[in-house]
């Protein structure tokens, strides 16, 4: 098995990175990997979606994490991320993509 995108990314390589990223947040793996890997981003998204002030304390725990390092091309059809927010509120964060006609 070859290296995954997670295996080859380091902070120093990100600082020197150029060019187009072949995957975006519309890719199921990237959507889940980014939000799972960075709790600050996850909490920022929750705050933005719920119009919460950034001063409000917020903790989020993903209860159905993916196994990072698996192939980015393997597409799941489950785009849901199950969360527990502030140790009491259960949320389901789901991304849906509308088909676009060219």
N, C-alpha and C. Protein backbone atom coordinates (compact mmCIF):
# COMPACT_ATOMS: atom_id res chain seq x y z
N UNK A 1 0.84 -1.17 0.00
CA UNK A 1 0.00 0.00 0.00
C UNK A 1 0.89 1.24 0.00
N UNK A 2 0.57 2.22 -0.83
CA UNK A 2 1.34 3.45 -0.92
C UNK A 2 1.03 4.39 0.22
N UNK A 3 1.77 5.47 0.26
CA UNK A 3 1.54 6.47 1.29
C UNK A 3 0.24 7.20 1.04
N UNK A 4 -0.43 7.52 2.12
CA UNK A 4 -1.66 8.30 2.01
C UNK A 4 -1.30 9.78 2.04
N UNK A 5 -2.27 10.61 1.72
CA UNK A 5 -2.04 12.06 1.76
C UNK A 5 -1.70 12.51 3.17
N UNK A 6 -2.26 11.88 4.18
CA UNK A 6 -1.98 12.24 5.57
C UNK A 6 -0.54 11.90 5.92
N UNK A 7 0.00 10.79 5.38
CA UNK A 7 1.36 10.39 5.66
C UNK A 7 2.38 11.38 5.13
N UNK A 8 2.10 12.02 4.01
CA UNK A 8 3.11 12.87 3.38
C UNK A 8 2.99 14.34 3.74
N UNK A 9 1.90 14.75 4.38
CA UNK A 9 1.73 16.15 4.74
C UNK A 9 2.39 16.43 6.08
N UNK A 10 3.24 17.44 6.11
CA UNK A 10 3.81 17.95 7.35
C UNK A 10 3.63 19.45 7.34
N UNK A 11 3.78 20.07 8.50
CA UNK A 11 3.61 21.51 8.55
C UNK A 11 4.63 22.21 7.67
N UNK A 12 5.87 21.73 7.64
CA UNK A 12 6.88 22.38 6.80
C UNK A 12 6.56 22.21 5.33
N UNK A 13 6.00 21.07 4.94
CA UNK A 13 5.65 20.89 3.53
C UNK A 13 4.47 21.78 3.15
N UNK A 14 3.57 22.05 4.09
CA UNK A 14 2.44 22.93 3.81
C UNK A 14 2.91 24.36 3.60
N UNK A 15 3.90 24.79 4.35
CA UNK A 15 4.43 26.15 4.20
C UNK A 15 5.06 26.36 2.83
N UNK A 16 5.60 25.30 2.25
CA UNK A 16 6.28 25.40 0.96
C UNK A 16 5.42 24.93 -0.20
N UNK A 17 4.20 24.53 0.06
CA UNK A 17 3.33 23.95 -0.96
C UNK A 17 2.93 24.99 -2.00
N UNK A 18 2.85 24.53 -3.24
CA UNK A 18 2.35 25.36 -4.33
C UNK A 18 1.45 24.50 -5.20
N UNK A 19 0.66 25.13 -6.04
CA UNK A 19 -0.16 24.40 -6.99
C UNK A 19 -1.54 24.07 -6.45
N UNK A 20 -2.27 23.41 -7.31
CA UNK A 20 -3.66 23.07 -7.02
C UNK A 20 -3.75 21.85 -6.11
N UNK A 21 -4.69 21.89 -5.18
CA UNK A 21 -4.96 20.73 -4.34
C UNK A 21 -5.94 19.85 -5.10
N UNK A 22 -5.60 18.58 -5.34
CA UNK A 22 -6.47 17.74 -6.19
C UNK A 22 -7.80 17.38 -5.56
N UNK A 23 -7.95 17.57 -4.26
CA UNK A 23 -9.19 17.23 -3.58
C UNK A 23 -9.66 18.44 -2.79
N UNK A 24 -10.97 18.61 -2.68
CA UNK A 24 -11.49 19.73 -1.91
C UNK A 24 -12.45 19.19 -0.85
N UNK A 25 -13.11 20.10 -0.15
CA UNK A 25 -13.99 19.69 0.93
C UNK A 25 -15.26 19.00 0.44
N UNK A 26 -15.48 18.94 -0.87
CA UNK A 26 -16.62 18.19 -1.40
C UNK A 26 -16.30 16.70 -1.49
N UNK A 27 -15.04 16.34 -1.31
CA UNK A 27 -14.63 14.95 -1.25
C UNK A 27 -14.92 14.44 0.17
N UNK A 28 -15.63 13.34 0.28
CA UNK A 28 -16.04 12.79 1.57
C UNK A 28 -14.85 12.63 2.51
N UNK A 29 -13.78 12.05 2.03
CA UNK A 29 -12.60 11.81 2.87
C UNK A 29 -12.04 13.12 3.39
N UNK A 30 -11.87 14.10 2.51
CA UNK A 30 -11.29 15.38 2.92
C UNK A 30 -12.20 16.09 3.92
N UNK A 31 -13.49 16.08 3.66
CA UNK A 31 -14.47 16.70 4.56
C UNK A 31 -14.30 16.14 5.97
N UNK A 32 -14.28 14.84 6.05
CA UNK A 32 -14.18 14.20 7.36
C UNK A 32 -12.79 14.32 7.95
N UNK A 33 -11.74 14.14 7.14
CA UNK A 33 -10.37 14.18 7.65
C UNK A 33 -10.01 15.56 8.20
N UNK A 34 -10.38 16.61 7.49
CA UNK A 34 -10.05 17.96 7.95
C UNK A 34 -10.77 18.27 9.25
N UNK A 35 -12.07 17.98 9.32
CA UNK A 35 -12.82 18.29 10.53
C UNK A 35 -12.41 17.40 11.70
N UNK A 36 -12.01 16.17 11.40
CA UNK A 36 -11.56 15.26 12.45
C UNK A 36 -10.17 15.63 12.95
N UNK A 37 -9.32 16.14 12.08
CA UNK A 37 -7.94 16.43 12.43
C UNK A 37 -7.76 17.77 13.12
N UNK A 38 -8.73 18.66 12.97
CA UNK A 38 -8.55 20.00 13.51
C UNK A 38 -9.83 20.45 14.23
N UNK A 39 -9.81 20.32 15.55
CA UNK A 39 -10.99 20.64 16.33
C UNK A 39 -11.32 22.13 16.26
N UNK A 40 -10.32 22.97 16.06
CA UNK A 40 -10.57 24.41 15.93
C UNK A 40 -11.40 24.69 14.68
N UNK A 41 -11.10 24.02 13.59
CA UNK A 41 -11.86 24.17 12.34
C UNK A 41 -13.27 23.63 12.54
N UNK A 42 -13.39 22.47 13.17
CA UNK A 42 -14.70 21.87 13.43
C UNK A 42 -15.57 22.82 14.27
N UNK A 43 -15.02 23.34 15.35
CA UNK A 43 -15.79 24.25 16.20
C UNK A 43 -16.11 25.54 15.46
N UNK A 44 -15.20 26.02 14.62
CA UNK A 44 -15.46 27.21 13.81
C UNK A 44 -16.61 26.99 12.85
N UNK A 45 -16.67 25.82 12.23
CA UNK A 45 -17.77 25.50 11.33
C UNK A 45 -19.10 25.44 12.09
N UNK A 46 -19.09 24.79 13.24
CA UNK A 46 -20.31 24.71 14.05
C UNK A 46 -20.77 26.11 14.45
N UNK A 47 -19.82 26.94 14.89
CA UNK A 47 -20.18 28.32 15.27
C UNK A 47 -20.78 29.08 14.09
N UNK A 48 -20.18 28.92 12.91
CA UNK A 48 -20.68 29.62 11.72
C UNK A 48 -22.07 29.14 11.34
N UNK A 49 -22.28 27.84 11.36
CA UNK A 49 -23.58 27.28 10.97
C UNK A 49 -24.69 27.66 11.94
N UNK A 50 -24.34 27.73 13.22
CA UNK A 50 -25.35 28.02 14.24
C UNK A 50 -25.37 29.50 14.65
N UNK A 51 -24.54 30.32 14.01
CA UNK A 51 -24.46 31.75 14.30
C UNK A 51 -24.13 31.99 15.78
N UNK A 52 -23.16 31.23 16.30
CA UNK A 52 -22.75 31.38 17.68
C UNK A 52 -21.57 32.35 17.77
N UNK A 53 -21.48 33.14 18.82
CA UNK A 53 -20.33 34.05 18.96
C UNK A 53 -19.06 33.26 19.21
N UNK A 54 -17.94 33.75 18.68
CA UNK A 54 -16.70 33.01 18.84
C UNK A 54 -16.20 33.01 20.28
N UNK A 55 -16.73 33.90 21.11
CA UNK A 55 -16.35 33.92 22.53
C UNK A 55 -17.02 32.81 23.33
N UNK A 56 -18.08 32.23 22.79
CA UNK A 56 -18.82 31.17 23.49
C UNK A 56 -17.96 29.91 23.57
N UNK A 57 -17.77 29.38 24.79
CA UNK A 57 -17.00 28.13 24.90
C UNK A 57 -17.69 27.00 24.13
N UNK A 58 -16.91 26.27 23.37
CA UNK A 58 -17.47 25.20 22.56
C UNK A 58 -16.47 24.06 22.49
N UNK A 59 -16.93 22.88 22.81
CA UNK A 59 -16.15 21.66 22.65
C UNK A 59 -16.94 20.73 21.76
N UNK A 60 -16.26 20.08 20.83
CA UNK A 60 -16.94 19.14 19.94
C UNK A 60 -16.12 17.86 19.85
N UNK A 61 -16.80 16.74 19.95
CA UNK A 61 -16.17 15.43 19.85
C UNK A 61 -16.87 14.63 18.76
N UNK A 62 -16.11 14.17 17.78
CA UNK A 62 -16.66 13.33 16.72
C UNK A 62 -16.81 11.92 17.27
N UNK A 63 -18.01 11.38 17.17
CA UNK A 63 -18.27 10.05 17.73
C UNK A 63 -18.22 8.95 16.68
N UNK A 64 -18.03 9.30 15.41
CA UNK A 64 -17.87 8.29 14.36
C UNK A 64 -16.68 8.65 13.47
N UNK A 65 -15.47 8.69 14.07
CA UNK A 65 -14.30 9.08 13.28
C UNK A 65 -13.98 8.07 12.19
N UNK A 66 -13.30 8.57 11.14
CA UNK A 66 -12.82 7.69 10.09
C UNK A 66 -11.40 7.27 10.43
N UNK A 67 -10.91 6.25 9.76
CA UNK A 67 -9.55 5.82 9.93
C UNK A 67 -8.69 6.63 8.96
N UNK A 68 -7.96 7.60 9.51
CA UNK A 68 -7.12 8.44 8.66
C UNK A 68 -6.01 7.61 8.04
N UNK A 69 -5.69 7.91 6.81
CA UNK A 69 -4.64 7.19 6.11
C UNK A 69 -5.18 6.22 5.09
N UNK A 70 -6.49 5.96 5.11
CA UNK A 70 -7.07 5.12 4.07
C UNK A 70 -7.12 5.91 2.78
N UNK A 71 -7.31 5.23 1.69
CA UNK A 71 -7.28 5.87 0.38
C UNK A 71 -8.31 6.98 0.25
N UNK A 72 -7.87 8.11 -0.27
CA UNK A 72 -8.76 9.25 -0.47
C UNK A 72 -9.74 9.00 -1.60
N UNK A 73 -9.42 8.07 -2.51
CA UNK A 73 -10.31 7.78 -3.63
C UNK A 73 -11.47 6.88 -3.24
N UNK A 74 -11.36 6.16 -2.13
CA UNK A 74 -12.46 5.32 -1.69
C UNK A 74 -13.58 6.21 -1.21
N UNK A 75 -14.66 6.22 -1.94
CA UNK A 75 -15.77 7.12 -1.66
C UNK A 75 -16.82 6.39 -0.84
N UNK A 76 -17.10 6.92 0.34
CA UNK A 76 -18.24 6.45 1.11
C UNK A 76 -19.42 7.29 0.71
N UNK A 77 -20.58 6.81 0.92
CA UNK A 77 -21.76 7.59 0.62
C UNK A 77 -22.36 8.16 1.90
N UNK A 78 -21.64 8.02 2.99
CA UNK A 78 -22.08 8.59 4.25
C UNK A 78 -21.23 9.83 4.52
N UNK A 79 -21.84 10.99 4.40
CA UNK A 79 -21.13 12.23 4.63
C UNK A 79 -21.45 12.80 6.00
N UNK A 80 -22.03 12.01 6.85
CA UNK A 80 -22.42 12.47 8.17
C UNK A 80 -21.24 12.42 9.14
N UNK A 81 -21.18 13.42 10.00
CA UNK A 81 -20.26 13.40 11.12
C UNK A 81 -21.12 13.55 12.36
N UNK A 82 -21.07 12.57 13.23
CA UNK A 82 -21.84 12.62 14.47
C UNK A 82 -20.98 13.28 15.54
N UNK A 83 -21.59 14.21 16.27
CA UNK A 83 -20.86 15.00 17.26
C UNK A 83 -21.57 15.02 18.60
N UNK A 84 -20.77 15.25 19.63
CA UNK A 84 -21.30 15.65 20.93
C UNK A 84 -20.69 17.01 21.20
N UNK A 85 -21.56 18.01 21.40
CA UNK A 85 -21.11 19.38 21.61
C UNK A 85 -21.30 19.74 23.08
N UNK A 86 -20.23 20.26 23.67
CA UNK A 86 -20.22 20.67 25.08
C UNK A 86 -20.72 19.57 26.02
N UNK A 87 -20.37 18.35 25.70
CA UNK A 87 -20.67 17.17 26.53
C UNK A 87 -22.15 16.94 26.77
N UNK A 88 -23.04 17.54 25.95
CA UNK A 88 -24.46 17.33 26.21
C UNK A 88 -25.33 17.30 24.97
N UNK A 89 -24.98 18.01 23.92
CA UNK A 89 -25.84 18.12 22.75
C UNK A 89 -25.31 17.22 21.65
N UNK A 90 -26.16 16.36 21.13
CA UNK A 90 -25.79 15.49 20.01
C UNK A 90 -26.16 16.19 18.72
N UNK A 91 -25.25 16.15 17.75
CA UNK A 91 -25.48 16.77 16.45
C UNK A 91 -25.08 15.80 15.35
N UNK A 92 -25.68 15.98 14.21
CA UNK A 92 -25.31 15.26 13.00
C UNK A 92 -24.99 16.32 11.97
N UNK A 93 -23.72 16.40 11.58
CA UNK A 93 -23.27 17.35 10.58
C UNK A 93 -23.21 16.61 9.25
N UNK A 94 -23.99 17.05 8.29
CA UNK A 94 -24.08 16.35 7.01
C UNK A 94 -23.86 17.32 5.87
N UNK A 95 -23.03 16.93 4.94
CA UNK A 95 -22.80 17.73 3.74
C UNK A 95 -23.60 17.11 2.60
N UNK A 96 -24.34 17.93 1.88
CA UNK A 96 -25.06 17.46 0.71
C UNK A 96 -24.64 18.31 -0.48
N UNK A 97 -24.46 17.66 -1.59
CA UNK A 97 -24.01 18.34 -2.81
C UNK A 97 -25.12 18.23 -3.84
N UNK A 98 -25.51 19.36 -4.38
CA UNK A 98 -26.52 19.38 -5.44
C UNK A 98 -25.83 19.09 -6.77
N UNK A 99 -26.47 18.29 -7.60
CA UNK A 99 -25.94 18.03 -8.94
C UNK A 99 -25.99 19.31 -9.75
N UNK A 100 -24.91 19.60 -10.46
CA UNK A 100 -24.86 20.80 -11.29
C UNK A 100 -24.87 20.40 -12.74
N UNK A 101 -25.66 21.07 -13.53
CA UNK A 101 -25.69 20.83 -14.96
C UNK A 101 -24.66 21.70 -15.64
N UNK A 102 -23.96 21.17 -16.60
CA UNK A 102 -22.97 21.97 -17.33
C UNK A 102 -23.60 22.61 -18.53
